[in-house]
């Protein structure tokens, strides 16, 4: 489930329910995702912004991107989120 904030721009870039492979692009604004547990070996859910990527396996999290500053913020309410910058440097 995705909750999209006002004055936000998102695009669903991939949706394959059977393979559990989903992705969204957040150009600017904010979204909150409550993703179900991914059980497929190649399954993933990612939110991509111009600053980086937040990927989850089953969790409740928020992603915000401020277009004017180029800043991406990630808040995790439950579970684990892997966040990577555009250079591929990641943290969990």
C-alpha atoms as a PDB file:
ATOM      1  CA  UNK A   1       0.000   0.000   0.000  1.00  0.00           C
ATOM      2  CA  UNK A   2       1.337   3.431  -0.933  1.00  0.00           C
ATOM      3  CA  UNK A   3       0.197   6.708   0.586  1.00  0.00           C
ATOM      4  CA  UNK A   4       1.277   9.628  -1.579  1.00  0.00           C
ATOM      5  CA  UNK A   5       1.742  13.074  -0.041  1.00  0.00           C
ATOM      6  CA  UNK A   6       0.294  16.211  -1.561  1.00  0.00           C
ATOM      7  CA  UNK A   7       2.455  17.958  -4.155  1.00  0.00           C
ATOM      8  CA  UNK A   8       4.302  14.708  -4.936  1.00  0.00           C
ATOM      9  CA  UNK A   9       5.179  13.053  -8.224  1.00  0.00           C
ATOM     10  CA  UNK A  10       5.517   9.268  -8.444  1.00  0.00           C
ATOM     11  CA  UNK A  11       5.565   6.757 -11.254  1.00  0.00           C
ATOM     12  CA  UNK A  12       5.020   3.011 -10.966  1.00  0.00           C
ATOM     13  CA  UNK A  13       8.008   1.677 -12.876  1.00  0.00           C
ATOM     14  CA  UNK A  14       7.389  -2.038 -12.342  1.00  0.00           C
ATOM     15  CA  UNK A  15       4.581  -4.177 -10.996  1.00  0.00           C
ATOM     16  CA  UNK A  16       4.708  -7.967 -11.131  1.00  0.00           C
ATOM     17  CA  UNK A  17       2.573  -9.371  -8.322  1.00  0.00           C
ATOM     18  CA  UNK A  18       3.394 -12.985  -9.157  1.00  0.00           C
ATOM     19  CA  UNK A  19       7.148 -12.416  -8.986  1.00  0.00           C
ATOM     20  CA  UNK A  20       6.818  -9.916  -6.125  1.00  0.00           C
ATOM     21  CA  UNK A  21       8.895  -7.405  -8.076  1.00  0.00           C
ATOM     22  CA  UNK A  22       7.640  -3.859  -7.731  1.00  0.00           C
ATOM     23  CA  UNK A  23       9.152  -0.423  -7.995  1.00  0.00           C
ATOM     24  CA  UNK A  24       8.201   3.224  -7.874  1.00  0.00           C
ATOM     25  CA  UNK A  25       9.992   6.383  -8.900  1.00  0.00           C
ATOM     26  CA  UNK A  26       9.613   9.404  -6.630  1.00  0.00           C
ATOM     27  CA  UNK A  27      10.550  12.519  -8.608  1.00  0.00           C
ATOM     28  CA  UNK A  28       9.701  14.833  -5.695  1.00  0.00           C
ATOM     29  CA  UNK A  29       7.518  14.804  -2.617  1.00  0.00           C
ATOM     30  CA  UNK A  30       6.850  12.010  -0.164  1.00  0.00           C
ATOM     31  CA  UNK A  31       5.310   8.571   0.082  1.00  0.00           C
ATOM     32  CA  UNK A  32       4.736   6.052   2.835  1.00  0.00           C
ATOM     33  CA  UNK A  33       4.846   2.392   1.918  1.00  0.00           C
ATOM     34  CA  UNK A  34       3.506  -0.548   3.852  1.00  0.00           C
ATOM     35  CA  UNK A  35       4.987  -3.457   1.918  1.00  0.00           C
ATOM     36  CA  UNK A  36       4.040  -7.075   2.448  1.00  0.00           C
ATOM     37  CA  UNK A  37       6.717  -9.642   3.244  1.00  0.00           C
ATOM     38  CA  UNK A  38       8.610 -10.626   0.089  1.00  0.00           C
ATOM     39  CA  UNK A  39       8.931 -14.403  -0.130  1.00  0.00           C
ATOM     40  CA  UNK A  40      10.144 -14.923  -3.715  1.00  0.00           C
ATOM     41  CA  UNK A  41      13.944 -15.303  -4.153  1.00  0.00           C
ATOM     42  CA  UNK A  42      14.210 -12.466  -6.693  1.00  0.00           C
ATOM     43  CA  UNK A  43      11.349 -10.405  -5.238  1.00  0.00           C
ATOM     44  CA  UNK A  44      11.877  -6.786  -4.211  1.00  0.00           C
ATOM     45  CA  UNK A  45      10.165  -3.465  -3.728  1.00  0.00           C
ATOM     46  CA  UNK A  46      12.176  -0.316  -4.372  1.00  0.00           C
ATOM     47  CA  UNK A  47      11.503   3.410  -4.280  1.00  0.00           C
ATOM     48  CA  UNK A  48      13.930   5.326  -6.488  1.00  0.00           C
ATOM     49  CA  UNK A  49      14.597   9.057  -6.177  1.00  0.00           C
ATOM     50  CA  UNK A  50      17.080  11.264  -8.018  1.00  0.00           C
ATOM     51  CA  UNK A  51      19.348  10.905  -4.935  1.00  0.00           C
ATOM     52  CA  UNK A  52      19.180   7.150  -4.314  1.00  0.00           C
ATOM     53  CA  UNK A  53      17.149   3.988  -3.773  1.00  0.00           C
ATOM     54  CA  UNK A  54      15.306   2.530  -0.769  1.00  0.00           C
ATOM     55  CA  UNK A  55      14.618  -1.208  -1.044  1.00  0.00           C
ATOM     56  CA  UNK A  56      12.555  -3.343   1.305  1.00  0.00           C
ATOM     57  CA  UNK A  57      11.631  -6.939   1.984  1.00  0.00           C
ATOM     58  CA  UNK A  58       8.494  -6.285   4.036  1.00  0.00           C
ATOM     59  CA  UNK A  59       8.188  -3.216   6.182  1.00  0.00           C
ATOM     60  CA  UNK A  60       6.528   0.120   6.885  1.00  0.00           C
ATOM     61  CA  UNK A  61       8.582   3.122   5.814  1.00  0.00           C
ATOM     62  CA  UNK A  62       8.505   6.705   4.531  1.00  0.00           C
ATOM     63  CA  UNK A  63      10.579   8.273   1.736  1.00  0.00           C
ATOM     64  CA  UNK A  64      10.761  11.983   1.071  1.00  0.00           C
ATOM     65  CA  UNK A  65      12.732  13.774  -1.629  1.00  0.00           C
ATOM     66  CA  UNK A  66      13.218  17.543  -1.695  1.00  0.00           C
ATOM     67  CA  UNK A  67      13.883  18.535  -5.287  1.00  0.00           C
ATOM     68  CA  UNK A  68      15.229  21.972  -4.327  1.00  0.00           C
ATOM     69  CA  UNK A  69      17.989  20.580  -2.087  1.00  0.00           C
ATOM     70  CA  UNK A  70      18.441  17.120  -3.631  1.00  0.00           C
ATOM     71  CA  UNK A  71      17.910  15.570  -0.199  1.00  0.00           C
ATOM     72  CA  UNK A  72      16.361  12.130   0.333  1.00  0.00           C
ATOM     73  CA  UNK A  73      14.991  11.222   3.782  1.00  0.00           C
ATOM     74  CA  UNK A  74      14.000   7.714   4.859  1.00  0.00           C
ATOM     75  CA  UNK A  75      12.135   6.865   8.074  1.00  0.00           C
ATOM     76  CA  UNK A  76      11.556   3.218   9.045  1.00  0.00           C
ATOM     77  CA  UNK A  77       8.555   2.472  11.250  1.00  0.00           C
ATOM     78  CA  UNK A  78       8.905  -1.311  11.174  1.00  0.00           C
ATOM     79  CA  UNK A  79      11.340  -3.753   9.549  1.00  0.00           C
ATOM     80  CA  UNK A  80      14.581  -3.125   7.662  1.00  0.00           C
ATOM     81  CA  UNK A  81      15.182  -0.839   4.685  1.00  0.00           C
ATOM     82  CA  UNK A  82      18.331  -0.886   2.559  1.00  0.00           C
ATOM     83  CA  UNK A  83      19.160   2.629   1.330  1.00  0.00           C
ATOM     84  CA  UNK A  84      21.739   3.253  -1.403  1.00  0.00           C
ATOM     85  CA  UNK A  85      23.062   6.435  -2.950  1.00  0.00           C
ATOM     86  CA  UNK A  86      23.610   6.768  -6.707  1.00  0.00           C
ATOM     87  CA  UNK A  87      27.221   5.578  -6.311  1.00  0.00           C
ATOM     88  CA  UNK A  88      25.950   2.268  -4.891  1.00  0.00           C
ATOM     89  CA  UNK A  89      27.035   2.902  -1.287  1.00  0.00           C
ATOM     90  CA  UNK A  90      24.373   1.274   0.907  1.00  0.00           C
ATOM     91  CA  UNK A  91      23.295   1.169   4.559  1.00  0.00           C
ATOM     92  CA  UNK A  92      20.606  -0.844   6.360  1.00  0.00           C
END
